[in-house]
Amino acid sequence: MEQKFGQKVAEQAIDVKERIAKPKGKVRTPTRPPNAIFDQTVIFKKKIDMVTRIVGSPEIAGLQKNSFVDYPGKICAVIFTPGCNMDCFYCHNRALVDSDDQSITTVEEVLSFLERRKGFLEGVVVSGGEPTLQKGLLPFLLEIKRLGYSIKLDTNGTNPEVVESLLYKGLVDYIAMDFK
């Protein structure tokens, strides 16, 4: 009995191997055109343009291209946003408190930079001013996440709804909150 059962299992295994080896119909192997990387970049930029038109984009008042201290255990870039809803005399980014047209670069340029730095940078810190005041922060962080980066948010915590939304959507991996 045991021998017949074992023989039947072996025959079924051979039958399965034969069916796998001889696929039915025409088999197509995926090919990648030589300009596929360019095409992906164009598609990526179109997505960013669409998001920007719909919800606006955050202003960016500064970009530190690499840091070894701002995100514990990670090599990161630091993005600074202008504007703050507090006026702390001891603020180390006091120049960013006033949000009157302090944008020095665009979201597209920052995302393009981050795309080129994949493999070297491990994370991105979004700081300020107060980043949770920025229009378009959620889609901006979503695009950073799609690039594969871990995100740290530096915030004063005065917009708990925004922070909760970022956490709920999985867009923030680390939060540094400065209690006043």
Protein backbone atom coordinates (compact mmCIF):
# COMPACT_ATOMS: atom_id res chain seq x y z
CA MET A 1 0.00 0.00 0.00
CA GLU A 2 2.74 2.46 0.99
CA GLN A 3 4.71 1.66 -2.14
CA LYS A 4 1.69 2.32 -4.41
CA PHE A 5 1.02 5.63 -2.64
CA GLY A 6 4.65 6.72 -3.06
CA GLN A 7 4.64 5.67 -6.69
CA LYS A 8 1.45 7.66 -7.33
CA VAL A 9 2.95 10.80 -5.74
CA ALA A 10 6.09 10.43 -7.88
CA GLU A 11 3.99 10.07 -11.05
CA GLN A 12 1.98 13.20 -10.17
CA ALA A 13 5.21 15.11 -9.56
CA ILE A 14 6.54 14.07 -12.99
CA ASP A 15 3.23 15.11 -14.58
CA VAL A 16 3.43 18.55 -12.93
CA LYS A 17 7.04 19.02 -14.08
CA GLU A 18 6.05 18.18 -17.67
CA ARG A 19 3.15 20.68 -17.62
CA ILE A 20 5.46 23.39 -16.29
CA ALA A 21 8.13 22.61 -18.87
CA LYS A 22 5.62 22.79 -21.76
CA PRO A 23 3.54 25.95 -21.31
CA LYS A 24 0.41 26.26 -23.39
CA GLY A 25 0.20 29.08 -25.91
CA LYS A 26 2.75 31.68 -26.83
CA VAL A 27 5.15 32.69 -24.08
CA ARG A 28 6.20 36.33 -24.03
CA THR A 29 9.29 37.44 -22.23
CA PRO A 30 9.17 40.98 -20.94
CA THR A 31 11.63 43.31 -22.60
CA ARG A 32 12.80 46.63 -21.36
CA PRO A 33 13.39 49.32 -23.95
CA PRO A 34 16.70 51.15 -23.68
CA ASN A 35 14.97 54.37 -22.66
CA ALA A 36 12.85 52.76 -19.88
CA ILE A 37 14.63 54.73 -17.14
CA PHE A 38 13.93 57.97 -19.00
CA ASP A 39 10.27 56.96 -19.43
CA GLN A 40 9.94 56.25 -15.70
CA THR A 41 11.42 59.66 -14.88
CA VAL A 42 8.97 61.37 -17.23
CA ILE A 43 6.03 59.49 -15.66
CA PHE A 44 7.32 60.39 -12.18
CA LYS A 45 7.52 64.09 -13.09
CA LYS A 46 4.00 64.02 -14.57
CA LYS A 47 2.65 62.57 -11.31
CA ILE A 48 4.35 65.33 -9.30
CA ASP A 49 2.95 68.01 -11.62
CA MET A 50 -0.56 66.57 -11.24
CA VAL A 51 -0.32 66.47 -7.43
CA THR A 52 1.05 70.01 -7.37
CA ARG A 53 -1.84 71.34 -9.46
CA ILE A 54 -4.44 69.62 -7.28
CA VAL A 55 -3.30 70.37 -3.73
CA GLY A 56 -0.42 72.79 -4.06
CA SER A 57 3.09 71.99 -2.99
CA PRO A 58 5.03 72.76 0.12
CA GLU A 59 7.48 75.63 0.09
CA ILE A 60 11.07 74.59 0.60
CA ALA A 61 13.35 77.09 2.30
CA GLY A 62 16.44 74.92 2.46
CA LEU A 63 17.98 71.57 1.62
CA GLN A 64 20.92 70.05 3.46
CA LYS A 65 22.13 67.37 1.08
CA ASN A 66 23.45 65.03 3.74
CA SER A 67 23.57 64.76 7.49
CA PHE A 68 24.87 62.13 9.87
CA VAL A 69 23.22 63.58 13.00
CA ASP A 70 19.66 64.66 12.17
CA TYR A 71 18.13 61.18 11.83
CA PRO A 72 19.44 58.73 14.47
CA GLY A 73 21.22 55.82 12.82
CA LYS A 74 20.68 57.00 9.24
CA ILE A 75 22.46 59.08 6.63
CA CYS A 76 19.85 61.57 5.53
CA ALA A 77 18.98 64.74 3.67
CA VAL A 78 17.22 67.54 5.57
CA ILE A 79 14.45 69.60 3.99
CA PHE A 80 13.56 72.87 5.69
CA THR A 81 10.12 74.45 5.27
CA PRO A 82 9.39 78.13 6.00
CA GLY A 83 6.80 79.48 8.39
CA CYS A 84 5.91 78.69 11.96
CA ASN A 85 2.88 79.29 14.15
CA MET A 86 5.10 80.04 17.16
CA ASP A 87 7.66 82.74 17.82
CA CYS A 88 10.18 81.16 20.18
CA PHE A 89 13.11 83.46 20.94
CA TYR A 90 15.44 80.44 21.31
CA CYS A 91 14.57 78.83 17.96
CA HIS A 92 17.67 77.59 16.12
CA ASN A 93 15.89 78.15 12.76
CA ARG A 94 14.55 81.59 13.61
CA ALA A 95 15.14 82.86 10.08
CA LEU A 96 12.44 80.43 8.89
CA VAL A 97 9.69 81.70 11.22
CA ASP A 98 8.49 84.36 8.77
CA SER A 99 7.04 82.57 5.75
CA ASP A 100 7.08 85.49 3.28
CA ASP A 101 8.27 83.88 0.03
CA GLN A 102 11.28 81.99 1.37
CA SER A 103 11.07 79.17 -1.14
CA ILE A 104 14.55 78.61 -2.58
CA THR A 105 13.89 75.47 -4.59
CA THR A 106 10.99 73.45 -5.96
CA VAL A 107 9.49 70.14 -4.92
CA GLU A 108 10.46 68.74 -8.32
CA GLU A 109 14.13 69.65 -7.81
CA VAL A 110 14.18 68.10 -4.33
CA LEU A 111 12.52 64.88 -5.52
CA SER A 112 14.89 64.71 -8.48
CA PHE A 113 17.85 65.10 -6.09
CA LEU A 114 16.47 62.36 -3.82
CA GLU A 115 15.95 60.07 -6.79
CA ARG A 116 19.62 60.47 -7.76
CA ARG A 117 20.79 59.81 -4.17
CA LYS A 118 19.01 56.46 -3.76
CA GLY A 119 21.44 53.93 -2.36
CA PHE A 120 23.51 56.53 -0.54
CA LEU A 121 20.89 58.27 1.60
CA GLU A 122 18.72 56.20 3.90
CA GLY A 123 16.27 58.79 5.13
CA VAL A 124 14.84 62.26 4.77
CA VAL A 125 14.17 64.72 7.60
CA VAL A 126 11.42 67.28 7.07
CA SER A 127 11.96 70.18 9.43
CA GLY A 128 11.21 73.87 9.58
CA GLY A 129 9.80 76.27 10.64
CA GLU A 130 6.79 74.05 11.13
CA PRO A 131 6.31 71.56 8.27
CA THR A 132 2.74 70.63 9.25
CA LEU A 133 1.60 74.11 8.15
CA GLN A 134 2.58 73.41 4.53
CA LYS A 135 -0.04 72.78 1.85
CA GLY A 136 0.65 69.58 -0.04
CA LEU A 137 2.77 68.03 2.70
CA LEU A 138 1.04 64.63 2.54
CA PRO A 139 1.48 64.06 -1.22
CA PHE A 140 5.05 65.35 -0.97
CA LEU A 141 5.87 62.81 1.75
CA LEU A 142 4.09 60.10 -0.23
CA GLU A 143 6.42 60.75 -3.18
CA ILE A 144 9.45 60.60 -0.87
CA LYS A 145 8.14 57.27 0.51
CA ARG A 146 7.69 55.95 -3.04
CA LEU A 147 11.38 56.62 -3.60
CA GLY A 148 12.06 54.21 -0.73
CA TYR A 149 13.19 56.63 1.96
CA SER A 150 12.46 56.53 5.66
CA ILE A 151 10.99 59.86 6.84
CA LYS A 152 11.59 61.76 10.07
CA LEU A 153 9.36 64.73 10.92
CA ASP A 154 10.57 67.54 13.19
CA THR A 155 7.48 69.32 14.53
CA ASN A 156 6.26 71.46 17.39
CA GLY A 157 3.15 69.29 17.63
CA THR A 158 0.61 72.11 17.38
CA ASN A 159 -1.20 70.45 14.45
CA PRO A 160 -2.06 67.06 15.94
CA GLU A 161 -4.58 66.30 13.17
CA VAL A 162 -1.86 66.53 10.52
CA VAL A 163 0.58 64.45 12.59
CA GLU A 164 -2.12 61.83 13.22
CA SER A 165 -2.93 61.68 9.51
CA LEU A 166 0.74 61.22 8.61
CA LEU A 167 1.07 58.41 11.14
CA TYR A 168 -2.18 56.74 10.06
CA LYS A 169 -1.10 56.76 6.41
CA GLY A 170 2.35 55.39 7.30
CA LEU A 171 4.15 58.41 5.84
CA VAL A 172 6.33 59.09 8.87
CA ASP A 173 8.75 56.63 10.47
CA TYR A 174 10.15 58.85 13.22
CA ILE A 175 8.85 62.00 14.91
CA ALA A 176 10.88 64.48 16.90
CA MET A 177 8.49 66.74 18.79
CA ASP A 178 9.71 69.89 20.46
CA PHE A 179 7.48 70.57 23.45
CA LYS A 180 7.09 74.28 24.23
